[in-house]
């Protein structure tokens, strides 16, 4: 684990337990290039830290994998493989990955670009229904990120508001955590809210690009209406509605939404993946609609 003046990692047979979310680690060195400045949050796989590169002073974000996950060699290899996929895409609307821990290092970590802003989920909670241009602009930025990722053969499969950052000054959106698994331990679904119906019916097939488009449509719908398209009193009820494909047309909740936006949502949220088109097509539609407002 990051600690002051660490000269080398301990031998493989001398695992040193650690808590990646321990606030007392502030001031410690990671790797040892990065100083841990402050704890930003704790997730299912690890803790997120605001860090500063020692040599340049550059601010960044480090995701340090939890002790329980890091003990498993298969999990470490999986995280490295997925995080390295992020390195393969350099795009203004994707949070840039600077570095991934080497295989020989005991504690897996990923160092990413620092974005001065907040996640889209928090923005949606604070604002409720968003203004049409703002919602469309965020969706367009996310579509640009999907185009870049899909062209490199990378599919998120878990696109969601908490995985999109909105810059405070510009309002520009950046997608991150392409490496976040949709399914947790034992294949249990973490959050079905934004998942495509085919992911719920046959998760073994793995996500396809059209699943990302479905999530994009769900996020746009929620930004415009203040609620996901398939909300239910219980998780089971929400999943049932999604599998049935029944959602309230956006125009009934937002009469100011143009018909062309409703048509786009009907395509993106279609139960048949073939009807959703491609990320490039969605980007073209969103760009056209924004230009016509």
C-alpha atoms as a PDB file:
ATOM      1  CA  UNK A   1       0.000   0.000   0.000  1.00  0.00           C
ATOM      2  CA  UNK A   2       1.228   3.589  -0.460  1.00  0.00           C
ATOM      3  CA  UNK A   3       3.400   4.582   2.473  1.00  0.00           C
ATOM      4  CA  UNK A   4       6.155   7.031   3.215  1.00  0.00           C
ATOM      5  CA  UNK A   5       9.647   6.213   1.981  1.00  0.00           C
ATOM      6  CA  UNK A   6       8.715   2.740   0.699  1.00  0.00           C
ATOM      7  CA  UNK A   7      11.752   1.395  -1.138  1.00  0.00           C
ATOM      8  CA  UNK A   8      10.247  -1.742  -2.657  1.00  0.00           C
ATOM      9  CA  UNK A   9       7.069  -3.828  -2.468  1.00  0.00           C
ATOM     10  CA  UNK A  10       7.025  -6.681   0.056  1.00  0.00           C
ATOM     11  CA  UNK A  11       7.666 -10.241  -1.160  1.00  0.00           C
ATOM     12  CA  UNK A  12       4.700 -12.119  -2.615  1.00  0.00           C
ATOM     13  CA  UNK A  13       4.363 -14.275   0.494  1.00  0.00           C
ATOM     14  CA  UNK A  14       4.261 -11.264   2.850  1.00  0.00           C
ATOM     15  CA  UNK A  15       0.993  -9.558   2.011  1.00  0.00           C
ATOM     16  CA  UNK A  16       0.541  -6.337   3.919  1.00  0.00           C
ATOM     17  CA  UNK A  17      -3.159  -5.612   4.586  1.00  0.00           C
ATOM     18  CA  UNK A  18      -4.259  -2.071   3.826  1.00  0.00           C
ATOM     19  CA  UNK A  19      -7.330   0.115   3.617  1.00  0.00           C
ATOM     20  CA  UNK A  20      -7.230   2.105   0.379  1.00  0.00           C
ATOM     21  CA  UNK A  21      -9.838   4.516   1.772  1.00  0.00           C
ATOM     22  CA  UNK A  22      -7.976   5.307   5.002  1.00  0.00           C
ATOM     23  CA  UNK A  23      -7.848   9.142   5.246  1.00  0.00           C
ATOM     24  CA  UNK A  24      -4.629   8.803   7.250  1.00  0.00           C
ATOM     25  CA  UNK A  25      -2.860   7.905   3.996  1.00  0.00           C
ATOM     26  CA  UNK A  26      -2.981  11.560   2.955  1.00  0.00           C
ATOM     27  CA  UNK A  27       0.585  12.727   2.409  1.00  0.00           C
ATOM     28  CA  UNK A  28       1.814   9.254   1.540  1.00  0.00           C
ATOM     29  CA  UNK A  29       3.442   8.432  -1.780  1.00  0.00           C
ATOM     30  CA  UNK A  30       2.017   6.162  -4.438  1.00  0.00           C
ATOM     31  CA  UNK A  31       4.330   4.359  -6.807  1.00  0.00           C
ATOM     32  CA  UNK A  32       6.234   6.665  -5.506  1.00  0.00           C
ATOM     33  CA  UNK A  33       5.583   9.373  -8.103  1.00  0.00           C
ATOM     34  CA  UNK A  34       2.281  10.626  -6.709  1.00  0.00           C
ATOM     35  CA  UNK A  35       1.451  12.219  -3.381  1.00  0.00           C
ATOM     36  CA  UNK A  36      -1.987  11.346  -1.995  1.00  0.00           C
ATOM     37  CA  UNK A  37      -3.641  14.715  -1.334  1.00  0.00           C
ATOM     38  CA  UNK A  38      -7.191  13.906  -0.234  1.00  0.00           C
ATOM     39  CA  UNK A  39      -9.692  11.083  -0.332  1.00  0.00           C
ATOM     40  CA  UNK A  40     -12.473  11.698  -2.867  1.00  0.00           C
ATOM     41  CA  UNK A  41     -14.602   8.603  -2.348  1.00  0.00           C
ATOM     42  CA  UNK A  42     -14.864   4.865  -1.953  1.00  0.00           C
ATOM     43  CA  UNK A  43     -16.433   2.476  -4.458  1.00  0.00           C
ATOM     44  CA  UNK A  44     -16.970  -1.245  -4.895  1.00  0.00           C
ATOM     45  CA  UNK A  45     -13.503  -1.891  -6.328  1.00  0.00           C
ATOM     46  CA  UNK A  46     -11.378   0.737  -4.645  1.00  0.00           C
ATOM     47  CA  UNK A  47     -10.914   4.222  -3.267  1.00  0.00           C
ATOM     48  CA  UNK A  48     -10.521   7.374  -5.337  1.00  0.00           C
ATOM     49  CA  UNK A  49      -7.853   9.886  -4.359  1.00  0.00           C
ATOM     50  CA  UNK A  50      -6.883  13.344  -5.515  1.00  0.00           C
ATOM     51  CA  UNK A  51      -3.131  13.053  -6.109  1.00  0.00           C
ATOM     52  CA  UNK A  52      -0.266  15.304  -7.209  1.00  0.00           C
ATOM     53  CA  UNK A  53       2.638  14.189  -9.363  1.00  0.00           C
ATOM     54  CA  UNK A  54       5.842  14.885  -7.459  1.00  0.00           C
ATOM     55  CA  UNK A  55       8.034  15.890 -10.398  1.00  0.00           C
ATOM     56  CA  UNK A  56       5.614  18.176 -12.266  1.00  0.00           C
ATOM     57  CA  UNK A  57       3.000  19.213  -9.717  1.00  0.00           C
ATOM     58  CA  UNK A  58       0.297  17.977 -12.085  1.00  0.00           C
ATOM     59  CA  UNK A  59      -2.977  17.139 -10.353  1.00  0.00           C
ATOM     60  CA  UNK A  60      -4.552  13.787 -11.117  1.00  0.00           C
ATOM     61  CA  UNK A  61      -6.933  11.178  -9.721  1.00  0.00           C
ATOM     62  CA  UNK A  62      -5.817   7.745  -8.559  1.00  0.00           C
ATOM     63  CA  UNK A  63      -8.131   4.784  -8.107  1.00  0.00           C
ATOM     64  CA  UNK A  64      -6.474   2.408  -5.656  1.00  0.00           C
ATOM     65  CA  UNK A  65      -7.918  -1.094  -5.593  1.00  0.00           C
ATOM     66  CA  UNK A  66      -9.188  -2.480  -2.295  1.00  0.00           C
ATOM     67  CA  UNK A  67      -7.121  -4.968  -0.350  1.00  0.00           C
ATOM     68  CA  UNK A  68      -9.665  -7.789  -0.789  1.00  0.00           C
ATOM     69  CA  UNK A  69      -9.673  -7.352  -4.575  1.00  0.00           C
ATOM     70  CA  UNK A  70      -5.923  -6.885  -4.859  1.00  0.00           C
ATOM     71  CA  UNK A  71      -5.260 -10.219  -3.126  1.00  0.00           C
ATOM     72  CA  UNK A  72      -6.830 -12.064  -6.064  1.00  0.00           C
ATOM     73  CA  UNK A  73      -4.398 -12.467  -8.963  1.00  0.00           C
ATOM     74  CA  UNK A  74      -7.198 -12.974 -11.491  1.00  0.00           C
ATOM     75  CA  UNK A  75      -8.952  -9.797 -10.361  1.00  0.00           C
ATOM     76  CA  UNK A  76      -5.700  -7.824 -10.550  1.00  0.00           C
ATOM     77  CA  UNK A  77      -5.058  -9.037 -14.094  1.00  0.00           C
ATOM     78  CA  UNK A  78      -8.657  -8.233 -15.114  1.00  0.00           C
ATOM     79  CA  UNK A  79      -8.457  -4.694 -13.748  1.00  0.00           C
ATOM     80  CA  UNK A  80      -5.131  -4.052 -15.477  1.00  0.00           C
ATOM     81  CA  UNK A  81      -6.474  -5.349 -18.788  1.00  0.00           C
ATOM     82  CA  UNK A  82      -9.570  -3.172 -18.663  1.00  0.00           C
ATOM     83  CA  UNK A  83      -7.725  -0.101 -17.433  1.00  0.00           C
ATOM     84  CA  UNK A  84      -5.203  -0.455 -20.255  1.00  0.00           C
ATOM     85  CA  UNK A  85      -8.143  -0.344 -22.666  1.00  0.00           C
ATOM     86  CA  UNK A  86      -8.751   3.201 -21.402  1.00  0.00           C
ATOM     87  CA  UNK A  87      -5.166   4.047 -22.334  1.00  0.00           C
ATOM     88  CA  UNK A  88      -5.949   3.107 -25.936  1.00  0.00           C
ATOM     89  CA  UNK A  89      -8.438   5.965 -26.382  1.00  0.00           C
ATOM     90  CA  UNK A  90      -7.383   9.613 -26.237  1.00  0.00           C
ATOM     91  CA  UNK A  91     -10.385  11.885 -26.707  1.00  0.00           C
ATOM     92  CA  UNK A  92     -11.562  15.242 -25.264  1.00  0.00           C
ATOM     93  CA  UNK A  93     -14.775  13.650 -23.957  1.00  0.00           C
ATOM     94  CA  UNK A  94     -13.089  10.673 -22.283  1.00  0.00           C
ATOM     95  CA  UNK A  95     -11.230  11.060 -18.990  1.00  0.00           C
ATOM     96  CA  UNK A  96      -7.608  10.436 -19.957  1.00  0.00           C
ATOM     97  CA  UNK A  97      -5.761   7.582 -18.238  1.00  0.00           C
ATOM     98  CA  UNK A  98      -2.130   8.437 -17.480  1.00  0.00           C
ATOM     99  CA  UNK A  99      -0.805   5.284 -15.899  1.00  0.00           C
ATOM    100  CA  UNK A 100      -1.729   1.750 -14.833  1.00  0.00           C
ATOM    101  CA  UNK A 101       0.186  -0.119 -12.147  1.00  0.00           C
ATOM    102  CA  UNK A 102       2.660  -2.659 -13.493  1.00  0.00           C
ATOM    103  CA  UNK A 103       1.856  -6.338 -13.046  1.00  0.00           C
ATOM    104  CA  UNK A 104       4.690  -6.772 -10.535  1.00  0.00           C
ATOM    105  CA  UNK A 105       3.271  -4.143  -8.164  1.00  0.00           C
ATOM    106  CA  UNK A 106       1.385  -5.428  -5.164  1.00  0.00           C
ATOM    107  CA  UNK A 107      -1.305  -2.760  -5.102  1.00  0.00           C
ATOM    108  CA  UNK A 108      -3.236  -2.205  -8.368  1.00  0.00           C
ATOM    109  CA  UNK A 109      -3.974   1.426  -9.166  1.00  0.00           C
ATOM    110  CA  UNK A 110      -4.966   3.602 -12.118  1.00  0.00           C
ATOM    111  CA  UNK A 111      -3.999   7.274 -12.411  1.00  0.00           C
ATOM    112  CA  UNK A 112      -6.331   9.454 -14.491  1.00  0.00           C
ATOM    113  CA  UNK A 113      -6.888  13.032 -15.506  1.00  0.00           C
ATOM    114  CA  UNK A 114      -8.248  15.339 -12.806  1.00  0.00           C
ATOM    115  CA  UNK A 115     -11.544  16.956 -13.842  1.00  0.00           C
ATOM    116  CA  UNK A 116     -12.771  19.974 -11.906  1.00  0.00           C
ATOM    117  CA  UNK A 117     -16.455  19.133 -11.775  1.00  0.00           C
ATOM    118  CA  UNK A 118     -18.945  16.585 -10.555  1.00  0.00           C
ATOM    119  CA  UNK A 119     -20.576  13.437 -11.829  1.00  0.00           C
ATOM    120  CA  UNK A 120     -23.742  13.636 -13.887  1.00  0.00           C
ATOM    121  CA  UNK A 121     -25.743  11.707 -11.283  1.00  0.00           C
ATOM    122  CA  UNK A 122     -25.117  14.499  -8.759  1.00  0.00           C
ATOM    123  CA  UNK A 123     -25.971  17.149 -11.355  1.00  0.00           C
ATOM    124  CA  UNK A 124     -29.250  15.407 -12.124  1.00  0.00           C
ATOM    125  CA  UNK A 125     -30.160  15.174  -8.436  1.00  0.00           C
ATOM    126  CA  UNK A 126     -29.432  18.878  -7.954  1.00  0.00           C
ATOM    127  CA  UNK A 127     -31.143  20.197 -11.092  1.00  0.00           C
ATOM    128  CA  UNK A 128     -33.988  17.758 -11.697  1.00  0.00           C
ATOM    129  CA  UNK A 129     -35.268  18.336 -15.222  1.00  0.00           C
ATOM    130  CA  UNK A 130     -32.507  19.961 -17.241  1.00  0.00           C
ATOM    131  CA  UNK A 131     -32.889  22.631 -19.882  1.00  0.00           C
ATOM    132  CA  UNK A 132     -33.139  21.042 -23.311  1.00  0.00           C
ATOM    133  CA  UNK A 133     -29.851  22.439 -24.732  1.00  0.00           C
ATOM    134  CA  UNK A 134     -27.899  21.404 -21.624  1.00  0.00           C
ATOM    135  CA  UNK A 135     -29.249  17.842 -21.655  1.00  0.00           C
ATOM    136  CA  UNK A 136     -28.664  17.463 -25.380  1.00  0.00           C
ATOM    137  CA  UNK A 137     -25.148  18.876 -25.068  1.00  0.00           C
ATOM    138  CA  UNK A 138     -24.171  16.379 -22.379  1.00  0.00           C
ATOM    139  CA  UNK A 139     -25.684  13.540 -24.420  1.00  0.00           C
ATOM    140  CA  UNK A 140     -23.782  14.712 -27.502  1.00  0.00           C
ATOM    141  CA  UNK A 141     -20.492  14.754 -25.554  1.00  0.00           C
ATOM    142  CA  UNK A 142     -21.165  11.213 -24.305  1.00  0.00           C
ATOM    143  CA  UNK A 143     -22.002  10.103 -27.858  1.00  0.00           C
ATOM    144  CA  UNK A 144     -18.667  11.521 -29.072  1.00  0.00           C
ATOM    145  CA  UNK A 145     -16.908   9.457 -26.413  1.00  0.00           C
ATOM    146  CA  UNK A 146     -18.778   6.333 -27.501  1.00  0.00           C
ATOM    147  CA  UNK A 147     -17.860   6.891 -31.142  1.00  0.00           C
ATOM    148  CA  UNK A 148     -14.171   7.086 -30.228  1.00  0.00           C
ATOM    149  CA  UNK A 149     -14.329   4.022 -27.965  1.00  0.00           C
ATOM    150  CA  UNK A 150     -16.377   1.864 -30.335  1.00  0.00           C
ATOM    151  CA  UNK A 151     -13.984   2.615 -33.193  1.00  0.00           C
ATOM    152  CA  UNK A 152     -11.228   1.078 -31.064  1.00  0.00           C
ATOM    153  CA  UNK A 153     -13.372  -1.955 -30.251  1.00  0.00           C
ATOM    154  CA  UNK A 154     -14.013  -0.816 -26.664  1.00  0.00           C
ATOM    155  CA  UNK A 155     -17.533  -1.128 -25.223  1.00  0.00           C
ATOM    156  CA  UNK A 156     -18.477   0.198 -21.808  1.00  0.00           C
ATOM    157  CA  UNK A 157     -21.491  -1.999 -21.100  1.00  0.00           C
ATOM    158  CA  UNK A 158     -22.023   0.056 -17.948  1.00  0.00           C
ATOM    159  CA  UNK A 159     -22.526   3.635 -19.124  1.00  0.00           C
ATOM    160  CA  UNK A 160     -24.409   5.524 -16.421  1.00  0.00           C
ATOM    161  CA  UNK A 161     -24.690   9.036 -14.943  1.00  0.00           C
ATOM    162  CA  UNK A 162     -22.233   8.320 -12.124  1.00  0.00           C
ATOM    163  CA  UNK A 163     -19.667   7.406 -14.794  1.00  0.00           C
ATOM    164  CA  UNK A 164     -19.901  10.759 -16.580  1.00  0.00           C
ATOM    165  CA  UNK A 165     -18.156  13.874 -15.253  1.00  0.00           C
ATOM    166  CA  UNK A 166     -19.411  17.375 -16.023  1.00  0.00           C
ATOM    167  CA  UNK A 167     -16.782  20.121 -15.929  1.00  0.00           C
ATOM    168  CA  UNK A 168     -17.672  22.988 -13.646  1.00  0.00           C
ATOM    169  CA  UNK A 169     -16.484  25.848 -15.855  1.00  0.00           C
ATOM    170  CA  UNK A 170     -17.345  24.660 -19.373  1.00  0.00           C
ATOM    171  CA  UNK A 171     -20.242  22.260 -18.762  1.00  0.00           C
ATOM    172  CA  UNK A 172     -18.458  19.767 -21.018  1.00  0.00           C
ATOM    173  CA  UNK A 173     -19.042  16.090 -20.240  1.00  0.00           C
ATOM    174  CA  UNK A 174     -16.356  13.416 -20.055  1.00  0.00           C
ATOM    175  CA  UNK A 175     -17.017   9.694 -19.814  1.00  0.00           C
ATOM    176  CA  UNK A 176     -14.881   7.688 -17.434  1.00  0.00           C
ATOM    177  CA  UNK A 177     -14.742   4.223 -15.918  1.00  0.00           C
ATOM    178  CA  UNK A 178     -15.046   2.267 -19.143  1.00  0.00           C
ATOM    179  CA  UNK A 179     -13.470  -0.420 -16.960  1.00  0.00           C
ATOM    180  CA  UNK A 180     -16.269  -0.587 -14.369  1.00  0.00           C
ATOM    181  CA  UNK A 181     -17.962  -3.997 -14.384  1.00  0.00           C
ATOM    182  CA  UNK A 182     -21.708  -4.149 -14.787  1.00  0.00           C
ATOM    183  CA  UNK A 183     -21.765  -7.375 -12.818  1.00  0.00           C
ATOM    184  CA  UNK A 184     -20.258  -7.794  -9.370  1.00  0.00           C
ATOM    185  CA  UNK A 185     -19.294 -10.881  -7.439  1.00  0.00           C
ATOM    186  CA  UNK A 186     -20.971 -14.100  -8.540  1.00  0.00           C
ATOM    187  CA  UNK A 187     -22.351 -12.356 -11.621  1.00  0.00           C
ATOM    188  CA  UNK A 188     -24.919 -10.351  -9.683  1.00  0.00           C
ATOM    189  CA  UNK A 189     -26.146  -7.233 -11.436  1.00  0.00           C
ATOM    190  CA  UNK A 190     -24.932  -4.111  -9.623  1.00  0.00           C
ATOM    191  CA  UNK A 191     -27.496  -1.653 -11.039  1.00  0.00           C
ATOM    192  CA  UNK A 192     -29.934  -2.562 -13.823  1.00  0.00           C
ATOM    193  CA  UNK A 193     -31.238   1.002 -14.245  1.00  0.00           C
ATOM    194  CA  UNK A 194     -29.204   1.824 -17.337  1.00  0.00           C
ATOM    195  CA  UNK A 195     -28.574  -1.691 -18.655  1.00  0.00           C
ATOM    196  CA  UNK A 196     -30.050  -2.791 -21.972  1.00  0.00           C
ATOM    197  CA  UNK A 197     -32.730  -5.512 -21.776  1.00  0.00           C
ATOM    198  CA  UNK A 198     -30.524  -8.033 -23.577  1.00  0.00           C
ATOM    199  CA  UNK A 199     -27.908  -7.583 -20.845  1.00  0.00           C
ATOM    200  CA  UNK A 200     -30.509  -8.634 -18.284  1.00  0.00           C
ATOM    201  CA  UNK A 201     -31.791 -11.566 -20.322  1.00  0.00           C
ATOM    202  CA  UNK A 202     -28.447 -13.031 -21.384  1.00  0.00           C
ATOM    203  CA  UNK A 203     -25.514 -11.448 -19.515  1.00  0.00           C
ATOM    204  CA  UNK A 204     -23.158 -14.200 -20.640  1.00  0.00           C
ATOM    205  CA  UNK A 205     -23.057 -12.777 -24.148  1.00  0.00           C
ATOM    206  CA  UNK A 206     -21.194  -9.685 -22.967  1.00  0.00           C
ATOM    207  CA  UNK A 207     -22.067  -6.088 -23.884  1.00  0.00           C
ATOM    208  CA  UNK A 208     -22.258  -4.868 -27.470  1.00  0.00           C
ATOM    209  CA  UNK A 209     -22.049  -1.264 -28.721  1.00  0.00           C
ATOM    210  CA  UNK A 210     -25.834  -1.083 -28.940  1.00  0.00           C
ATOM    211  CA  UNK A 211     -26.020  -1.562 -25.153  1.00  0.00           C
ATOM    212  CA  UNK A 212     -24.104   1.699 -24.731  1.00  0.00           C
ATOM    213  CA  UNK A 213     -26.614   3.435 -27.012  1.00  0.00           C
ATOM    214  CA  UNK A 214     -29.477   2.167 -24.880  1.00  0.00           C
ATOM    215  CA  UNK A 215     -27.793   3.631 -21.785  1.00  0.00           C
ATOM    216  CA  UNK A 216     -27.222   6.896 -23.634  1.00  0.00           C
ATOM    217  CA  UNK A 217     -30.939   7.080 -24.410  1.00  0.00           C
ATOM    218  CA  UNK A 218     -31.821   6.330 -20.805  1.00  0.00           C
ATOM    219  CA  UNK A 219     -29.558   9.099 -19.531  1.00  0.00           C
ATOM    220  CA  UNK A 220     -30.975  11.641 -22.000  1.00  0.00           C
ATOM    221  CA  UNK A 221     -34.532  10.677 -21.034  1.00  0.00           C
ATOM    222  CA  UNK A 222     -33.690  11.067 -17.324  1.00  0.00           C
ATOM    223  CA  UNK A 223     -31.992  14.432 -17.868  1.00  0.00           C
ATOM    224  CA  UNK A 224     -35.108  15.716 -19.637  1.00  0.00           C
ATOM    225  CA  UNK A 225     -37.761  14.241 -17.331  1.00  0.00           C
ATOM    226  CA  UNK A 226     -36.038  13.869 -13.972  1.00  0.00           C
ATOM    227  CA  UNK A 227     -36.630  10.114 -13.869  1.00  0.00           C
ATOM    228  CA  UNK A 228     -35.241   7.041 -15.676  1.00  0.00           C
ATOM    229  CA  UNK A 229     -37.470   5.702 -18.456  1.00  0.00           C
ATOM    230  CA  UNK A 230     -38.192   2.446 -16.638  1.00  0.00           C
ATOM    231  CA  UNK A 231     -38.488   3.551 -13.021  1.00  0.00           C
ATOM    232  CA  UNK A 232     -40.502   1.309 -10.708  1.00  0.00           C
ATOM    233  CA  UNK A 233     -41.524   1.032  -7.087  1.00  0.00           C
ATOM    234  CA  UNK A 234     -39.014  -1.812  -6.723  1.00  0.00           C
ATOM    235  CA  UNK A 235     -35.993  -2.990  -8.651  1.00  0.00           C
ATOM    236  CA  UNK A 236     -37.971  -5.993  -9.851  1.00  0.00           C
ATOM    237  CA  UNK A 237     -40.754  -3.737 -11.112  1.00  0.00           C
ATOM    238  CA  UNK A 238     -38.253  -1.581 -13.004  1.00  0.00           C
ATOM    239  CA  UNK A 239     -36.663  -4.621 -14.644  1.00  0.00           C
ATOM    240  CA  UNK A 240     -40.101  -5.976 -15.616  1.00  0.00           C
ATOM    241  CA  UNK A 241     -41.029  -2.684 -17.278  1.00  0.00           C
ATOM    242  CA  UNK A 242     -37.723  -2.630 -19.126  1.00  0.00           C
ATOM    243  CA  UNK A 243     -38.157  -6.150 -20.454  1.00  0.00           C
ATOM    244  CA  UNK A 244     -41.675  -5.251 -21.540  1.00  0.00           C
ATOM    245  CA  UNK A 245     -40.346  -2.130 -23.248  1.00  0.00           C
ATOM    246  CA  UNK A 246     -43.024   0.150 -21.796  1.00  0.00           C
ATOM    247  CA  UNK A 247     -42.044   3.717 -20.905  1.00  0.00           C
ATOM    248  CA  UNK A 248     -43.932   7.002 -20.856  1.00  0.00           C
ATOM    249  CA  UNK A 249     -43.231   9.060 -24.002  1.00  0.00           C
ATOM    250  CA  UNK A 250     -41.001  11.987 -23.123  1.00  0.00           C
ATOM    251  CA  UNK A 251     -43.433  14.503 -24.690  1.00  0.00           C
ATOM    252  CA  UNK A 252     -46.070  13.606 -22.083  1.00  0.00           C
ATOM    253  CA  UNK A 253     -43.684  14.687 -19.335  1.00  0.00           C
ATOM    254  CA  UNK A 254     -41.973  17.508 -21.253  1.00  0.00           C
ATOM    255  CA  UNK A 255     -44.294  19.050 -23.889  1.00  0.00           C
ATOM    256  CA  UNK A 256     -41.494  21.423 -24.918  1.00  0.00           C
ATOM    257  CA  UNK A 257     -39.351  18.546 -26.209  1.00  0.00           C
ATOM    258  CA  UNK A 258     -39.378  18.522 -30.038  1.00  0.00           C
ATOM    259  CA  UNK A 259     -40.692  15.514 -31.903  1.00  0.00           C
ATOM    260  CA  UNK A 260     -37.253  14.835 -33.343  1.00  0.00           C
ATOM    261  CA  UNK A 261     -35.895  14.268 -29.810  1.00  0.00           C
ATOM    262  CA  UNK A 262     -38.769  11.909 -29.042  1.00  0.00           C
ATOM    263  CA  UNK A 263     -38.001   9.976 -32.229  1.00  0.00           C
ATOM    264  CA  UNK A 264     -34.343   9.677 -31.243  1.00  0.00           C
ATOM    265  CA  UNK A 265     -35.257   8.372 -27.803  1.00  0.00           C
ATOM    266  CA  UNK A 266     -37.648   5.844 -29.316  1.00  0.00           C
ATOM    267  CA  UNK A 267     -34.738   4.468 -31.356  1.00  0.00           C
ATOM    268  CA  UNK A 268     -32.136   4.492 -28.579  1.00  0.00           C
ATOM    269  CA  UNK A 269     -34.513   2.831 -26.088  1.00  0.00           C
ATOM    270  CA  UNK A 270     -35.820   0.233 -28.529  1.00  0.00           C
ATOM    271  CA  UNK A 271     -35.944  -3.327 -27.241  1.00  0.00           C
ATOM    272  CA  UNK A 272     -34.501  -4.527 -30.550  1.00  0.00           C
ATOM    273  CA  UNK A 273     -30.776  -3.607 -30.572  1.00  0.00           C
ATOM    274  CA  UNK A 274     -30.805  -3.329 -34.377  1.00  0.00           C
ATOM    275  CA  UNK A 275     -33.140  -0.313 -34.150  1.00  0.00           C
ATOM    276  CA  UNK A 276     -30.687   1.699 -32.050  1.00  0.00           C
ATOM    277  CA  UNK A 277     -28.252   2.356 -34.866  1.00  0.00           C
ATOM    278  CA  UNK A 278     -24.654   3.312 -34.128  1.00  0.00           C
ATOM    279  CA  UNK A 279     -22.924   5.841 -31.903  1.00  0.00           C
ATOM    280  CA  UNK A 280     -21.964   7.831 -34.999  1.00  0.00           C
ATOM    281  CA  UNK A 281     -25.618   8.029 -36.058  1.00  0.00           C
ATOM    282  CA  UNK A 282     -26.699   9.121 -32.576  1.00  0.00           C
ATOM    283  CA  UNK A 283     -23.965  11.764 -32.554  1.00  0.00           C
ATOM    284  CA  UNK A 284     -25.150  13.056 -35.932  1.00  0.00           C
ATOM    285  CA  UNK A 285     -28.739  13.302 -34.725  1.00  0.00           C
ATOM    286  CA  UNK A 286     -27.797  15.087 -31.498  1.00  0.00           C
ATOM    287  CA  UNK A 287     -25.541  17.533 -33.364  1.00  0.00           C
ATOM    288  CA  UNK A 288     -28.318  18.291 -35.867  1.00  0.00           C
ATOM    289  CA  UNK A 289     -30.921  18.819 -33.138  1.00  0.00           C
ATOM    290  CA  UNK A 290     -28.651  21.147 -31.155  1.00  0.00           C
ATOM    291  CA  UNK A 291     -27.912  23.138 -34.274  1.00  0.00           C
ATOM    292  CA  UNK A 292     -31.614  23.598 -34.961  1.00  0.00           C
ATOM    293  CA  UNK A 293     -32.566  24.920 -31.507  1.00  0.00           C
END
